[in-house]
C-alpha cells in the first residue's frame, strides 16, 4: 500500500531552461537556468513554456 508523503517532503522536479535557444532539458545544458518546482507547479511551468514556443531536448 502506498502512503502519502507529508507536505514537508513534497516531491520536487527540475529542468534546465535555455531562454536564448528556447530549449527545455531534463539534463543540465550549458547557458541554462535551473527550474526547480513542486511537481504540480513544474508541469504548469513546462506547459506554459511549450505554449510559448520552447522545445524539449
PDB file of N, CA and C in Angstrom:
ATOM      1  N   UNK A   1       0.838  -1.169   0.000  1.00  0.00           N
ATOM      2  CA  UNK A   1       0.000   0.000   0.000  1.00  0.00           C
ATOM      3  C   UNK A   1       0.891   1.243   0.000  1.00  0.00           C
ATOM      4  N   UNK A   2       0.524   2.221  -0.781  1.00  0.00           N
ATOM      5  CA  UNK A   2       1.296   3.456  -0.896  1.00  0.00           C
ATOM      6  C   UNK A   2       0.716   4.501   0.041  1.00  0.00           C
ATOM      7  N   UNK A   3       1.570   5.166   0.776  1.00  0.00           N
ATOM      8  CA  UNK A   3       1.103   6.204   1.689  1.00  0.00           C
ATOM      9  C   UNK A   3       1.494   7.575   1.165  1.00  0.00           C
ATOM     10  N   UNK A   4       0.742   8.597   1.542  1.00  0.00           N
ATOM     11  CA  UNK A   4       1.046   9.957   1.127  1.00  0.00           C
ATOM     12  C   UNK A   4       2.243  10.487   1.900  1.00  0.00           C
ATOM     13  N   UNK A   5       3.066  11.287   1.218  1.00  0.00           N
ATOM     14  CA  UNK A   5       4.196  11.925   1.872  1.00  0.00           C
ATOM     15  C   UNK A   5       3.696  13.141   2.644  1.00  0.00           C
ATOM     16  N   UNK A   6       4.313  13.435   3.772  1.00  0.00           N
ATOM     17  CA  UNK A   6       3.961  14.668   4.478  1.00  0.00           C
ATOM     18  C   UNK A   6       4.253  15.876   3.578  1.00  0.00           C
ATOM     19  N   UNK A   7       3.553  16.982   3.789  1.00  0.00           N
ATOM     20  CA  UNK A   7       3.734  18.163   2.953  1.00  0.00           C
ATOM     21  C   UNK A   7       5.171  18.663   2.948  1.00  0.00           C
ATOM     22  N   UNK A   8       5.884  18.515   4.057  1.00  0.00           N
ATOM     23  CA  UNK A   8       7.255  18.981   4.127  1.00  0.00           C
ATOM     24  C   UNK A   8       8.163  18.206   3.169  1.00  0.00           C
ATOM     25  N   UNK A   9       7.804  17.004   2.800  1.00  0.00           N
ATOM     26  CA  UNK A   9       8.627  16.172   1.930  1.00  0.00           C
ATOM     27  C   UNK A   9       8.060  16.110   0.514  1.00  0.00           C
ATOM     28  N   UNK A  10       7.390  17.173   0.100  1.00  0.00           N
ATOM     29  CA  UNK A  10       6.784  17.210  -1.224  1.00  0.00           C
ATOM     30  C   UNK A  10       7.838  16.951  -2.301  1.00  0.00           C
ATOM     31  N   UNK A  11       7.491  16.158  -3.279  1.00  0.00           N
ATOM     32  CA  UNK A  11       8.419  15.815  -4.352  1.00  0.00           C
ATOM     33  C   UNK A  11       8.738  17.046  -5.186  1.00  0.00           C
ATOM     34  N   UNK A  12      10.013  17.230  -5.496  1.00  0.00           N
ATOM     35  CA  UNK A  12      10.464  18.352  -6.311  1.00  0.00           C
ATOM     36  C   UNK A  12      10.949  17.808  -7.653  1.00  0.00           C
ATOM     37  N   UNK A  13      10.725  18.578  -8.684  1.00  0.00           N
ATOM     38  CA  UNK A  13      11.119  18.200 -10.030  1.00  0.00           C
ATOM     39  C   UNK A  13      11.940  19.353 -10.596  1.00  0.00           C
ATOM     40  N   UNK A  14      12.825  19.072 -11.545  1.00  0.00           N
ATOM     41  CA  UNK A  14      13.631  20.150 -12.097  1.00  0.00           C
ATOM     42  C   UNK A  14      13.919  19.942 -13.572  1.00  0.00           C
ATOM     43  N   UNK A  15      14.148  21.061 -14.244  1.00  0.00           N
ATOM     44  CA  UNK A  15      14.556  21.066 -15.645  1.00  0.00           C
ATOM     45  C   UNK A  15      15.455  22.272 -15.846  1.00  0.00           C
ATOM     46  N   UNK A  16      16.236  22.231 -16.913  1.00  0.00           N
ATOM     47  CA  UNK A  16      17.089  23.354 -17.257  1.00  0.00           C
ATOM     48  C   UNK A  16      16.477  24.045 -18.461  1.00  0.00           C
ATOM     49  N   UNK A  17      16.441  25.376 -18.392  1.00  0.00           N
ATOM     50  CA  UNK A  17      15.797  26.181 -19.427  1.00  0.00           C
ATOM     51  C   UNK A  17      16.846  27.062 -20.100  1.00  0.00           C
ATOM     52  N   UNK A  18      16.941  26.974 -21.428  1.00  0.00           N
ATOM     53  CA  UNK A  18      17.802  27.849 -22.219  1.00  0.00           C
ATOM     54  C   UNK A  18      16.872  28.824 -22.923  1.00  0.00           C
ATOM     55  N   UNK A  19      16.803  30.050 -22.400  1.00  0.00           N
ATOM     56  CA  UNK A  19      15.866  31.033 -22.950  1.00  0.00           C
ATOM     57  C   UNK A  19      16.287  31.529 -24.330  1.00  0.00           C
ATOM     58  N   UNK A  20      17.591  31.586 -24.585  1.00  0.00           N
ATOM     59  CA  UNK A  20      18.066  32.057 -25.886  1.00  0.00           C
ATOM     60  C   UNK A  20      17.694  31.080 -27.002  1.00  0.00           C
ATOM     61  N   UNK A  21      17.909  29.793 -26.764  1.00  0.00           N
ATOM     62  CA  UNK A  21      17.600  28.766 -27.773  1.00  0.00           C
ATOM     63  C   UNK A  21      16.181  28.221 -27.628  1.00  0.00           C
ATOM     64  N   UNK A  22      15.461  28.686 -26.616  1.00  0.00           N
ATOM     65  CA  UNK A  22      14.098  28.219 -26.333  1.00  0.00           C
ATOM     66  C   UNK A  22      14.045  26.699 -26.184  1.00  0.00           C
ATOM     67  N   UNK A  23      14.928  26.176 -25.294  1.00  0.00           N
ATOM     68  CA  UNK A  23      15.006  24.743 -25.045  1.00  0.00           C
ATOM     69  C   UNK A  23      14.679  24.420 -23.597  1.00  0.00           C
ATOM     70  N   UNK A  24      14.042  23.272 -23.400  1.00  0.00           N
ATOM     71  CA  UNK A  24      13.792  22.697 -22.082  1.00  0.00           C
ATOM     72  C   UNK A  24      14.523  21.362 -22.067  1.00  0.00           C
ATOM     73  N   UNK A  25      15.324  21.124 -21.027  1.00  0.00           N
ATOM     74  CA  UNK A  25      16.046  19.862 -20.923  1.00  0.00           C
ATOM     75  C   UNK A  25      15.889  19.296 -19.519  1.00  0.00           C
ATOM     76  N   UNK A  26      15.811  17.989 -19.426  1.00  0.00           N
ATOM     77  CA  UNK A  26      15.732  17.333 -18.129  1.00  0.00           C
ATOM     78  C   UNK A  26      17.115  16.910 -17.652  1.00  0.00           C
ATOM     79  N   UNK A  27      18.137  17.301 -18.423  1.00  0.00           N
ATOM     80  CA  UNK A  27      19.538  17.114 -18.067  1.00  0.00           C
ATOM     81  C   UNK A  27      20.206  18.476 -18.190  1.00  0.00           C
ATOM     82  N   UNK A  28      21.203  18.739 -17.365  1.00  0.00           N
ATOM     83  CA  UNK A  28      21.874  20.044 -17.379  1.00  0.00           C
ATOM     84  C   UNK A  28      22.463  20.336 -18.754  1.00  0.00           C
ATOM     85  N   UNK A  29      22.234  21.563 -19.231  1.00  0.00           N
ATOM     86  CA  UNK A  29      22.795  22.007 -20.505  1.00  0.00           C
ATOM     87  C   UNK A  29      23.504  23.345 -20.275  1.00  0.00           C
ATOM     88  N   UNK A  30      24.521  23.663 -21.108  1.00  0.00           N
ATOM     89  CA  UNK A  30      25.242  24.924 -20.946  1.00  0.00           C
ATOM     90  C   UNK A  30      24.314  26.123 -21.159  1.00  0.00           C
ATOM     91  N   UNK A  31      24.661  27.234 -20.541  1.00  0.00           N
ATOM     92  CA  UNK A  31      23.937  28.504 -20.705  1.00  0.00           C
ATOM     93  C   UNK A  31      22.451  28.378 -20.403  1.00  0.00           C
ATOM     94  N   UNK A  32      22.142  27.657 -19.337  1.00  0.00           N
ATOM     95  CA  UNK A  32      20.733  27.465 -18.977  1.00  0.00           C
ATOM     96  C   UNK A  32      20.506  27.840 -17.521  1.00  0.00           C
ATOM     97  N   UNK A  33      19.243  27.986 -17.180  1.00  0.00           N
ATOM     98  CA  UNK A  33      18.868  28.250 -15.788  1.00  0.00           C
ATOM     99  C   UNK A  33      18.082  27.052 -15.274  1.00  0.00           C
ATOM    100  N   UNK A  34      18.222  26.803 -14.003  1.00  0.00           N
ATOM    101  CA  UNK A  34      17.537  25.675 -13.384  1.00  0.00           C
ATOM    102  C   UNK A  34      16.123  26.084 -12.998  1.00  0.00           C
ATOM    103  N   UNK A  35      15.173  25.238 -13.292  1.00  0.00           N
ATOM    104  CA  UNK A  35      13.776  25.455 -12.906  1.00  0.00           C
ATOM    105  C   UNK A  35      13.372  24.353 -11.930  1.00  0.00           C
ATOM    106  N   UNK A  36      13.580  24.572 -10.623  1.00  0.00           N
ATOM    107  CA  UNK A  36      13.113  23.586  -9.645  1.00  0.00           C
ATOM    108  C   UNK A  36      11.704  23.991  -9.176  1.00  0.00           C
ATOM    109  N   UNK A  37      10.845  23.029  -8.960  1.00  0.00           N
ATOM    110  CA  UNK A  37       9.490  23.341  -8.500  1.00  0.00           C
ATOM    111  C   UNK A  37       8.827  22.080  -7.977  1.00  0.00           C
ATOM    112  N   UNK A  38       7.739  22.287  -7.257  1.00  0.00           N
ATOM    113  CA  UNK A  38       6.950  21.131  -6.855  1.00  0.00           C
ATOM    114  C   UNK A  38       6.368  20.522  -8.128  1.00  0.00           C
ATOM    115  N   UNK A  39       5.971  19.305  -8.061  1.00  0.00           N
ATOM    116  CA  UNK A  39       5.523  18.579  -9.251  1.00  0.00           C
ATOM    117  C   UNK A  39       4.404  19.329  -9.989  1.00  0.00           C
ATOM    118  N   UNK A  40       3.401  19.778  -9.278  1.00  0.00           N
ATOM    119  CA  UNK A  40       2.273  20.466  -9.922  1.00  0.00           C
ATOM    120  C   UNK A  40       2.719  21.775 -10.567  1.00  0.00           C
ATOM    121  N   UNK A  41       3.488  22.587  -9.836  1.00  0.00           N
ATOM    122  CA  UNK A  41       3.985  23.856 -10.375  1.00  0.00           C
ATOM    123  C   UNK A  41       4.902  23.617 -11.572  1.00  0.00           C
ATOM    124  N   UNK A  42       5.702  22.575 -11.483  1.00  0.00           N
ATOM    125  CA  UNK A  42       6.666  22.258 -12.532  1.00  0.00           C
ATOM    126  C   UNK A  42       5.963  22.019 -13.862  1.00  0.00           C
ATOM    127  N   UNK A  43       4.974  21.143 -13.873  1.00  0.00           N
ATOM    128  CA  UNK A  43       4.317  20.812 -15.136  1.00  0.00           C
ATOM    129  C   UNK A  43       3.515  21.977 -15.679  1.00  0.00           C
ATOM    130  N   UNK A  44       2.976  22.817 -14.814  1.00  0.00           N
ATOM    131  CA  UNK A  44       2.295  24.032 -15.284  1.00  0.00           C
ATOM    132  C   UNK A  44       3.295  24.955 -15.976  1.00  0.00           C
ATOM    133  N   UNK A  45       4.497  25.097 -15.384  1.00  0.00           N
ATOM    134  CA  UNK A  45       5.539  25.939 -15.977  1.00  0.00           C
ATOM    135  C   UNK A  45       6.008  25.361 -17.309  1.00  0.00           C
ATOM    136  N   UNK A  46       6.206  24.048 -17.380  1.00  0.00           N
ATOM    137  CA  UNK A  46       6.646  23.403 -18.624  1.00  0.00           C
ATOM    138  C   UNK A  46       5.606  23.608 -19.726  1.00  0.00           C
ATOM    139  N   UNK A  47       4.333  23.419 -19.416  1.00  0.00           N
ATOM    140  CA  UNK A  47       3.278  23.628 -20.422  1.00  0.00           C
ATOM    141  C   UNK A  47       3.250  25.068 -20.912  1.00  0.00           C
ATOM    142  N   UNK A  48       3.448  26.019 -20.014  1.00  0.00           N
ATOM    143  CA  UNK A  48       3.485  27.434 -20.406  1.00  0.00           C
ATOM    144  C   UNK A  48       4.652  27.704 -21.356  1.00  0.00           C
ATOM    145  N   UNK A  49       5.804  27.120 -21.060  1.00  0.00           N
ATOM    146  CA  UNK A  49       6.960  27.292 -21.941  1.00  0.00           C
ATOM    147  C   UNK A  49       6.710  26.660 -23.306  1.00  0.00           C
ATOM    148  N   UNK A  50       6.110  25.481 -23.344  1.00  0.00           N
ATOM    149  CA  UNK A  50       5.790  24.833 -24.620  1.00  0.00           C
ATOM    150  C   UNK A  50       4.831  25.684 -25.444  1.00  0.00           C
ATOM    151  N   UNK A  51       3.854  26.269 -24.784  1.00  0.00           N
ATOM    152  CA  UNK A  51       2.900  27.144 -25.489  1.00  0.00           C
ATOM    153  C   UNK A  51       3.585  28.403 -26.012  1.00  0.00           C
ATOM    154  N   UNK A  52       4.688  28.793 -25.366  1.00  0.00           N
ATOM    155  CA  UNK A  52       5.453  29.979 -25.798  1.00  0.00           C
ATOM    156  C   UNK A  52       6.482  29.646 -26.870  1.00  0.00           C
ATOM    157  N   UNK A  53       6.518  28.384 -27.334  1.00  0.00           N
ATOM    158  CA  UNK A  53       7.388  28.015 -28.434  1.00  0.00           C
ATOM    159  C   UNK A  53       8.667  27.299 -28.043  1.00  0.00           C
ATOM    160  N   UNK A  54       8.833  26.968 -26.767  1.00  0.00           N
ATOM    161  CA  UNK A  54      10.019  26.217 -26.335  1.00  0.00           C
ATOM    162  C   UNK A  54       9.913  24.770 -26.808  1.00  0.00           C
ATOM    163  N   UNK A  55      11.086  24.123 -27.014  1.00  0.00           N
ATOM    164  CA  UNK A  55      11.142  22.731 -27.417  1.00  0.00           C
ATOM    165  C   UNK A  55      11.782  21.913 -26.303  1.00  0.00           C
ATOM    166  N   UNK A  56      11.414  20.661 -26.193  1.00  0.00           N
ATOM    167  CA  UNK A  56      12.024  19.750 -25.216  1.00  0.00           C
ATOM    168  C   UNK A  56      13.187  19.048 -25.897  1.00  0.00           C
ATOM    169  N   UNK A  57      14.326  19.056 -25.223  1.00  0.00           N
ATOM    170  CA  UNK A  57      15.525  18.403 -25.776  1.00  0.00           C
ATOM    171  C   UNK A  57      15.741  17.086 -25.072  1.00  0.00           C
TER     172      UNK A  57
END
